[in-house]
Amino acid sequence: MVVSLVFNLGMLAYAAGASLLLLAIARWLTMHWIHSLTATRECNRLVAEIGDKVAVNVKVENSSKLPIPWLLLEDLLPRRA
């Protein structure tokens, strides 16, 4: 950005500034969305053996007023399971 200002390249400076602004907004939105999500897991059994069927319900809540356009959620078993 400094180079474009030194060599009087206005469009390059504008594009660099717009890109930095978009990156800053995306970073802020991502951090805001991460902190406003909560997930809870409910299971119908506490103990299960191999081959047993277990119902697991995962509930994801967004406590923010901003909508989240998409979300990738992975529910993994702990290593000791």
PDB file of N, CA and C in Angstrom:
ATOM      1  N   MET A   1       0.825  -1.178   0.000  1.00  0.00           N
ATOM      2  CA  MET A   1       0.000   0.000   0.000  1.00  0.00           C
ATOM      3  C   MET A   1       0.877   1.252   0.000  1.00  0.00           C
ATOM      4  N   VAL A   2       1.949   1.224   0.750  1.00  0.00           N
ATOM      5  CA  VAL A   2       2.868   2.368   0.789  1.00  0.00           C
ATOM      6  C   VAL A   2       3.515   2.564  -0.576  1.00  0.00           C
ATOM      7  N   VAL A   3       3.862   1.460  -1.243  1.00  0.00           N
ATOM      8  CA  VAL A   3       4.493   1.540  -2.567  1.00  0.00           C
ATOM      9  C   VAL A   3       3.557   2.221  -3.554  1.00  0.00           C
ATOM     10  N   SER A   4       2.260   1.880  -3.501  1.00  0.00           N
ATOM     11  CA  SER A   4       1.309   2.484  -4.435  1.00  0.00           C
ATOM     12  C   SER A   4       1.150   3.984  -4.181  1.00  0.00           C
ATOM     13  N   LEU A   5       1.252   4.404  -2.938  1.00  0.00           N
ATOM     14  CA  LEU A   5       1.165   5.832  -2.645  1.00  0.00           C
ATOM     15  C   LEU A   5       2.421   6.572  -3.085  1.00  0.00           C
ATOM     16  N   VAL A   6       3.579   5.935  -2.936  1.00  0.00           N
ATOM     17  CA  VAL A   6       4.843   6.565  -3.341  1.00  0.00           C
ATOM     18  C   VAL A   6       4.886   6.755  -4.849  1.00  0.00           C
ATOM     19  N   PHE A   7       4.425   5.746  -5.607  1.00  0.00           N
ATOM     20  CA  PHE A   7       4.480   5.811  -7.067  1.00  0.00           C
ATOM     21  C   PHE A   7       3.194   6.374  -7.677  1.00  0.00           C
ATOM     22  N   ASN A   8       2.324   6.951  -6.860  1.00  0.00           N
ATOM     23  CA  ASN A   8       1.102   7.606  -7.315  1.00  0.00           C
ATOM     24  C   ASN A   8       0.187   6.652  -8.092  1.00  0.00           C
ATOM     25  N   LEU A   9      -0.014   5.481  -7.559  1.00  0.00           N
ATOM     26  CA  LEU A   9      -0.899   4.488  -8.160  1.00  0.00           C
ATOM     27  C   LEU A   9      -2.177   4.419  -7.318  1.00  0.00           C
ATOM     28  N   GLY A  10      -3.095   5.311  -7.598  1.00  0.00           N
ATOM     29  CA  GLY A  10      -4.298   5.460  -6.784  1.00  0.00           C
ATOM     30  C   GLY A  10      -5.184   4.228  -6.746  1.00  0.00           C
ATOM     31  N   MET A  11      -5.391   3.588  -7.889  1.00  0.00           N
ATOM     32  CA  MET A  11      -6.268   2.413  -7.925  1.00  0.00           C
ATOM     33  C   MET A  11      -5.684   1.255  -7.127  1.00  0.00           C
ATOM     34  N   LEU A  12      -4.374   1.107  -7.181  1.00  0.00           N
ATOM     35  CA  LEU A  12      -3.738   0.043  -6.405  1.00  0.00           C
ATOM     36  C   LEU A  12      -3.894   0.310  -4.910  1.00  0.00           C
ATOM     37  N   ALA A  13      -3.749   1.561  -4.520  1.00  0.00           N
ATOM     38  CA  ALA A  13      -3.932   1.917  -3.109  1.00  0.00           C
ATOM     39  C   ALA A  13      -5.377   1.682  -2.688  1.00  0.00           C
ATOM     40  N   TYR A  14      -6.325   2.029  -3.555  1.00  0.00           N
ATOM     41  CA  TYR A  14      -7.736   1.806  -3.253  1.00  0.00           C
ATOM     42  C   TYR A  14      -8.028   0.313  -3.117  1.00  0.00           C
ATOM     43  N   ALA A  15      -7.515  -0.490  -4.041  1.00  0.00           N
ATOM     44  CA  ALA A  15      -7.743  -1.937  -3.989  1.00  0.00           C
ATOM     45  C   ALA A  15      -7.108  -2.555  -2.748  1.00  0.00           C
ATOM     46  N   ALA A  16      -5.911  -2.106  -2.401  1.00  0.00           N
ATOM     47  CA  ALA A  16      -5.242  -2.632  -1.210  1.00  0.00           C
ATOM     48  C   ALA A  16      -6.015  -2.245   0.050  1.00  0.00           C
ATOM     49  N   GLY A  17      -6.477  -1.021   0.122  1.00  0.00           N
ATOM     50  CA  GLY A  17      -7.252  -0.579   1.281  1.00  0.00           C
ATOM     51  C   GLY A  17      -8.576  -1.315   1.399  1.00  0.00           C
ATOM     52  N   ALA A  18      -9.249  -1.508   0.267  1.00  0.00           N
ATOM     53  CA  ALA A  18     -10.518  -2.240   0.282  1.00  0.00           C
ATOM     54  C   ALA A  18     -10.308  -3.691   0.695  1.00  0.00           C
ATOM     55  N   SER A  19      -9.226  -4.293   0.222  1.00  0.00           N
ATOM     56  CA  SER A  19      -8.924  -5.682   0.597  1.00  0.00           C
ATOM     57  C   SER A  19      -8.643  -5.799   2.091  1.00  0.00           C
ATOM     58  N   LEU A  20      -7.873  -4.880   2.624  1.00  0.00           N
ATOM     59  CA  LEU A  20      -7.586  -4.898   4.062  1.00  0.00           C
ATOM     60  C   LEU A  20      -8.851  -4.683   4.886  1.00  0.00           C
ATOM     61  N   LEU A  21      -9.725  -3.808   4.425  1.00  0.00           N
ATOM     62  CA  LEU A  21     -10.984  -3.574   5.129  1.00  0.00           C
ATOM     63  C   LEU A  21     -11.862  -4.830   5.111  1.00  0.00           C
ATOM     64  N   LEU A  22     -11.958  -5.492   3.964  1.00  0.00           N
ATOM     65  CA  LEU A  22     -12.740  -6.727   3.873  1.00  0.00           C
ATOM     66  C   LEU A  22     -12.166  -7.824   4.761  1.00  0.00           C
ATOM     67  N   LEU A  23     -10.849  -7.935   4.806  1.00  0.00           N
ATOM     68  CA  LEU A  23     -10.226  -8.931   5.677  1.00  0.00           C
ATOM     69  C   LEU A  23     -10.503  -8.634   7.148  1.00  0.00           C
ATOM     70  N   ALA A  24     -10.463  -7.370   7.526  1.00  0.00           N
ATOM     71  CA  ALA A  24     -10.734  -6.999   8.918  1.00  0.00           C
ATOM     72  C   ALA A  24     -12.189  -7.287   9.292  1.00  0.00           C
ATOM     73  N   ILE A  25     -13.117  -6.990   8.388  1.00  0.00           N
ATOM     74  CA  ILE A  25     -14.533  -7.272   8.654  1.00  0.00           C
ATOM     75  C   ILE A  25     -14.769  -8.773   8.756  1.00  0.00           C
ATOM     76  N   ALA A  26     -14.176  -9.545   7.857  1.00  0.00           N
ATOM     77  CA  ALA A  26     -14.334 -11.004   7.898  1.00  0.00           C
ATOM     78  C   ALA A  26     -13.763 -11.579   9.188  1.00  0.00           C
ATOM     79  N   ARG A  27     -12.642 -11.063   9.622  1.00  0.00           N
ATOM     80  CA  ARG A  27     -12.028 -11.534  10.869  1.00  0.00           C
ATOM     81  C   ARG A  27     -12.926 -11.220  12.070  1.00  0.00           C
ATOM     82  N   TRP A  28     -13.469 -10.002  12.111  1.00  0.00           N
ATOM     83  CA  TRP A  28     -14.341  -9.619  13.216  1.00  0.00           C
ATOM     84  C   TRP A  28     -15.608 -10.470  13.231  1.00  0.00           C
ATOM     85  N   LEU A  29     -16.229 -10.669  12.064  1.00  0.00           N
ATOM     86  CA  LEU A  29     -17.443 -11.487  12.003  1.00  0.00           C
ATOM     87  C   LEU A  29     -17.174 -12.918  12.439  1.00  0.00           C
ATOM     88  N   THR A  30     -16.052 -13.472  12.014  1.00  0.00           N
ATOM     89  CA  THR A  30     -15.711 -14.843  12.391  1.00  0.00           C
ATOM     90  C   THR A  30     -15.558 -14.966  13.900  1.00  0.00           C
ATOM     91  N   MET A  31     -14.845 -14.056  14.514  1.00  0.00           N
ATOM     92  CA  MET A  31     -14.662 -14.112  15.963  1.00  0.00           C
ATOM     93  C   MET A  31     -15.993 -13.896  16.695  1.00  0.00           C
ATOM     94  N   HIS A  32     -16.824 -13.009  16.188  1.00  0.00           N
ATOM     95  CA  HIS A  32     -18.130 -12.764  16.801  1.00  0.00           C
ATOM     96  C   HIS A  32     -19.004 -14.014  16.717  1.00  0.00           C
ATOM     97  N   TRP A  33     -19.013 -14.671  15.563  1.00  0.00           N
ATOM     98  CA  TRP A  33     -19.828 -15.875  15.387  1.00  0.00           C
ATOM     99  C   TRP A  33     -19.333 -17.011  16.269  1.00  0.00           C
ATOM    100  N   ILE A  34     -18.021 -17.150  16.388  1.00  0.00           N
ATOM    101  CA  ILE A  34     -17.469 -18.237  17.204  1.00  0.00           C
ATOM    102  C   ILE A  34     -17.889 -18.076  18.666  1.00  0.00           C
ATOM    103  N   HIS A  35     -17.851 -16.857  19.174  1.00  0.00           N
ATOM    104  CA  HIS A  35     -18.169 -16.632  20.585  1.00  0.00           C
ATOM    105  C   HIS A  35     -19.669 -16.661  20.874  1.00  0.00           C
ATOM    106  N   SER A  36     -20.508 -16.573  19.841  1.00  0.00           N
ATOM    107  CA  SER A  36     -21.952 -16.554  20.080  1.00  0.00           C
ATOM    108  C   SER A  36     -22.602 -17.927  19.900  1.00  0.00           C
ATOM    109  N   LEU A  37     -21.834 -18.939  19.538  1.00  0.00           N
ATOM    110  CA  LEU A  37     -22.382 -20.281  19.344  1.00  0.00           C
ATOM    111  C   LEU A  37     -22.185 -21.148  20.577  1.00  0.00           C
ATOM    112  N   THR A  38     -23.205 -21.932  20.893  1.00  0.00           N
ATOM    113  CA  THR A  38     -23.083 -22.957  21.928  1.00  0.00           C
ATOM    114  C   THR A  38     -23.680 -24.245  21.383  1.00  0.00           C
ATOM    115  N   ALA A  39     -23.074 -25.349  21.747  1.00  0.00           N
ATOM    116  CA  ALA A  39     -23.569 -26.655  21.314  1.00  0.00           C
ATOM    117  C   ALA A  39     -23.704 -27.556  22.531  1.00  0.00           C
ATOM    118  N   THR A  40     -24.805 -28.287  22.594  1.00  0.00           N
ATOM    119  CA  THR A  40     -25.021 -29.246  23.673  1.00  0.00           C
ATOM    120  C   THR A  40     -25.353 -30.600  23.062  1.00  0.00           C
ATOM    121  N   ARG A  41     -24.898 -31.629  23.724  1.00  0.00           N
ATOM    122  CA  ARG A  41     -25.133 -32.997  23.263  1.00  0.00           C
ATOM    123  C   ARG A  41     -25.943 -33.729  24.323  1.00  0.00           C
ATOM    124  N   GLU A  42     -27.011 -34.389  23.893  1.00  0.00           N
ATOM    125  CA  GLU A  42     -27.834 -35.198  24.784  1.00  0.00           C
ATOM    126  C   GLU A  42     -27.861 -36.623  24.250  1.00  0.00           C
ATOM    127  N   CYS A  43     -27.707 -37.563  25.167  1.00  0.00           N
ATOM    128  CA  CYS A  43     -27.668 -38.975  24.795  1.00  0.00           C
ATOM    129  C   CYS A  43     -28.701 -39.719  25.630  1.00  0.00           C
ATOM    130  N   ASN A  44     -29.333 -40.735  25.037  1.00  0.00           N
ATOM    131  CA  ASN A  44     -30.367 -41.455  25.774  1.00  0.00           C
ATOM    132  C   ASN A  44     -29.805 -42.542  26.683  1.00  0.00           C
ATOM    133  N   ARG A  45     -28.498 -42.786  26.606  1.00  0.00           N
ATOM    134  CA  ARG A  45     -27.869 -43.794  27.465  1.00  0.00           C
ATOM    135  C   ARG A  45     -26.534 -43.270  27.964  1.00  0.00           C
ATOM    136  N   LEU A  46     -26.195 -43.625  29.194  1.00  0.00           N
ATOM    137  CA  LEU A  46     -24.897 -43.242  29.745  1.00  0.00           C
ATOM    138  C   LEU A  46     -23.836 -44.290  29.447  1.00  0.00           C
ATOM    139  N   VAL A  47     -24.244 -45.558  29.399  1.00  0.00           N
ATOM    140  CA  VAL A  47     -23.319 -46.655  29.138  1.00  0.00           C
ATOM    141  C   VAL A  47     -23.868 -47.469  27.976  1.00  0.00           C
ATOM    142  N   ALA A  48     -22.999 -47.819  27.046  1.00  0.00           N
ATOM    143  CA  ALA A  48     -23.411 -48.630  25.905  1.00  0.00           C
ATOM    144  C   ALA A  48     -22.295 -49.606  25.568  1.00  0.00           C
ATOM    145  N   GLU A  49     -22.674 -50.733  25.076  1.00  0.00           N
ATOM    146  CA  GLU A  49     -21.719 -51.751  24.636  1.00  0.00           C
ATOM    147  C   GLU A  49     -21.590 -51.691  23.118  1.00  0.00           C
ATOM    148  N   ILE A  50     -20.584 -52.355  22.595  1.00  0.00           N
ATOM    149  CA  ILE A  50     -20.370 -52.398  21.154  1.00  0.00           C
ATOM    150  C   ILE A  50     -21.584 -53.046  20.499  1.00  0.00           C
ATOM    151  N   GLY A  51     -22.108 -52.405  19.489  1.00  0.00           N
ATOM    152  CA  GLY A  51     -23.274 -52.916  18.779  1.00  0.00           C
ATOM    153  C   GLY A  51     -24.592 -52.325  19.254  1.00  0.00           C
ATOM    154  N   ASP A  52     -24.601 -51.667  20.408  1.00  0.00           N
ATOM    155  CA  ASP A  52     -25.825 -51.037  20.906  1.00  0.00           C
ATOM    156  C   ASP A  52     -26.150 -49.800  20.074  1.00  0.00           C
ATOM    157  N   LYS A  53     -27.435 -49.524  19.947  1.00  0.00           N
ATOM    158  CA  LYS A  53     -27.872 -48.314  19.256  1.00  0.00           C
ATOM    159  C   LYS A  53     -28.113 -47.227  20.297  1.00  0.00           C
ATOM    160  N   VAL A  54     -27.568 -46.061  20.019  1.00  0.00           N
ATOM    161  CA  VAL A  54     -27.663 -44.931  20.943  1.00  0.00           C
ATOM    162  C   VAL A  54     -28.138 -43.714  20.153  1.00  0.00           C
ATOM    163  N   ALA A  55     -29.143 -43.031  20.681  1.00  0.00           N
ATOM    164  CA  ALA A  55     -29.621 -41.794  20.054  1.00  0.00           C
ATOM    165  C   ALA A  55     -28.874 -40.612  20.661  1.00  0.00           C
ATOM    166  N   VAL A  56     -28.280 -39.819  19.801  1.00  0.00           N
ATOM    167  CA  VAL A  56     -27.546 -38.632  20.243  1.00  0.00           C
ATOM    168  C   VAL A  56     -28.163 -37.419  19.551  1.00  0.00           C
ATOM    169  N   ASN A  57     -28.573 -36.440  20.341  1.00  0.00           N
ATOM    170  CA  ASN A  57     -29.119 -35.190  19.809  1.00  0.00           C
ATOM    171  C   ASN A  57     -28.122 -34.075  20.071  1.00  0.00           C
ATOM    172  N   VAL A  58     -27.773 -33.362  19.021  1.00  0.00           N
ATOM    173  CA  VAL A  58     -26.867 -32.220  19.144  1.00  0.00           C
ATOM    174  C   VAL A  58     -27.678 -30.959  18.856  1.00  0.00           C
ATOM    175  N   LYS A  59     -27.638 -30.022  19.802  1.00  0.00           N
ATOM    176  CA  LYS A  59     -28.378 -28.769  19.659  1.00  0.00           C
ATOM    177  C   LYS A  59     -27.379 -27.623  19.567  1.00  0.00           C
ATOM    178  N   VAL A  60     -27.481 -26.836  18.508  1.00  0.00           N
ATOM    179  CA  VAL A  60     -26.593 -25.694  18.292  1.00  0.00           C
ATOM    180  C   VAL A  60     -27.434 -24.427  18.388  1.00  0.00           C
ATOM    181  N   GLU A  61     -26.992 -23.491  19.224  1.00  0.00           N
ATOM    182  CA  GLU A  61     -27.726 -22.239  19.421  1.00  0.00           C
ATOM    183  C   GLU A  61     -26.839 -21.048  19.086  1.00  0.00           C
ATOM    184  N   ASN A  62     -27.427 -20.084  18.409  1.00  0.00           N
ATOM    185  CA  ASN A  62     -26.765 -18.827  18.088  1.00  0.00           C
ATOM    186  C   ASN A  62     -27.363 -17.754  18.990  1.00  0.00           C
ATOM    187  N   SER A  63     -26.593 -17.247  19.948  1.00  0.00           N
ATOM    188  CA  SER A  63     -27.094 -16.243  20.887  1.00  0.00           C
ATOM    189  C   SER A  63     -26.948 -14.817  20.363  1.00  0.00           C
ATOM    190  N   SER A  64     -26.403 -14.664  19.183  1.00  0.00           N
ATOM    191  CA  SER A  64     -26.201 -13.345  18.598  1.00  0.00           C
ATOM    192  C   SER A  64     -27.425 -12.930  17.786  1.00  0.00           C
ATOM    193  N   LYS A  65     -27.542 -11.635  17.532  1.00  0.00           N
ATOM    194  CA  LYS A  65     -28.600 -11.145  16.652  1.00  0.00           C
ATOM    195  C   LYS A  65     -28.197 -11.254  15.187  1.00  0.00           C
ATOM    196  N   LEU A  66     -26.911 -11.452  14.947  1.00  0.00           N
ATOM    197  CA  LEU A  66     -26.440 -11.609  13.575  1.00  0.00           C
ATOM    198  C   LEU A  66     -26.632 -13.051  13.123  1.00  0.00           C
ATOM    199  N   PRO A  67     -27.203 -13.257  11.943  1.00  0.00           N
ATOM    200  CA  PRO A  67     -27.340 -14.628  11.455  1.00  0.00           C
ATOM    201  C   PRO A  67     -25.993 -15.174  10.997  1.00  0.00           C
ATOM    202  N   ILE A  68     -25.859 -16.483  11.064  1.00  0.00           N
ATOM    203  CA  ILE A  68     -24.652 -17.151  10.584  1.00  0.00           C
ATOM    204  C   ILE A  68     -25.008 -17.813   9.259  1.00  0.00           C
ATOM    205  N   PRO A  69     -24.372 -17.401   8.154  1.00  0.00           N
ATOM    206  CA  PRO A  69     -24.787 -17.908   6.844  1.00  0.00           C
ATOM    207  C   PRO A  69     -24.533 -19.398   6.642  1.00  0.00           C
ATOM    208  N   TRP A  70     -23.465 -19.945   7.214  1.00  0.00           N
ATOM    209  CA  TRP A  70     -23.206 -21.384   7.106  1.00  0.00           C
ATOM    210  C   TRP A  70     -22.372 -21.820   8.290  1.00  0.00           C
ATOM    211  N   LEU A  71     -22.448 -23.128   8.557  1.00  0.00           N
ATOM    212  CA  LEU A  71     -21.755 -23.673   9.716  1.00  0.00           C
ATOM    213  C   LEU A  71     -21.366 -25.109   9.420  1.00  0.00           C
ATOM    214  N   LEU A  72     -20.150 -25.467   9.722  1.00  0.00           N
ATOM    215  CA  LEU A  72     -19.684 -26.846   9.623  1.00  0.00           C
ATOM    216  C   LEU A  72     -19.508 -27.348  11.043  1.00  0.00           C
ATOM    217  N   LEU A  73     -20.257 -28.375  11.391  1.00  0.00           N
ATOM    218  CA  LEU A  73     -20.242 -28.902  12.744  1.00  0.00           C
ATOM    219  C   LEU A  73     -19.817 -30.360  12.703  1.00  0.00           C
ATOM    220  N   GLU A  74     -18.824 -30.702  13.498  1.00  0.00           N
ATOM    221  CA  GLU A  74     -18.371 -32.085  13.623  1.00  0.00           C
ATOM    222  C   GLU A  74     -18.536 -32.503  15.072  1.00  0.00           C
ATOM    223  N   ASP A  75     -19.166 -33.645  15.284  1.00  0.00           N
ATOM    224  CA  ASP A  75     -19.356 -34.185  16.627  1.00  0.00           C
ATOM    225  C   ASP A  75     -18.533 -35.461  16.714  1.00  0.00           C
ATOM    226  N   LEU A  76     -17.416 -35.392  17.408  1.00  0.00           N
ATOM    227  CA  LEU A  76     -16.488 -36.517  17.489  1.00  0.00           C
ATOM    228  C   LEU A  76     -16.571 -37.185  18.849  1.00  0.00           C
ATOM    229  N   LEU A  77     -16.306 -38.468  18.876  1.00  0.00           N
ATOM    230  CA  LEU A  77     -16.234 -39.200  20.137  1.00  0.00           C
ATOM    231  C   LEU A  77     -14.892 -38.945  20.806  1.00  0.00           C
ATOM    232  N   PRO A  78     -14.862 -38.906  22.129  1.00  0.00           N
ATOM    233  CA  PRO A  78     -13.577 -38.784  22.814  1.00  0.00           C
ATOM    234  C   PRO A  78     -12.723 -40.032  22.589  1.00  0.00           C
ATOM    235  N   ARG A  79     -11.423 -39.923  22.772  1.00  0.00           N
ATOM    236  CA  ARG A  79     -10.513 -41.051  22.569  1.00  0.00           C
ATOM    237  C   ARG A  79     -10.830 -42.215  23.500  1.00  0.00           C
ATOM    238  N   ARG A  80     -11.296 -41.933  24.707  1.00  0.00           N
ATOM    239  CA  ARG A  80     -11.542 -42.999  25.675  1.00  0.00           C
ATOM    240  C   ARG A  80     -12.837 -43.759  25.393  1.00  0.00           C
ATOM    241  N   ALA A  81     -13.638 -43.309  24.436  1.00  0.00           N
ATOM    242  CA  ALA A  81     -14.916 -43.977  24.125  1.00  0.00           C
ATOM    243  C   ALA A  81     -14.693 -45.260  23.344  1.00  0.00           C
TER     244      ALA A  81
END
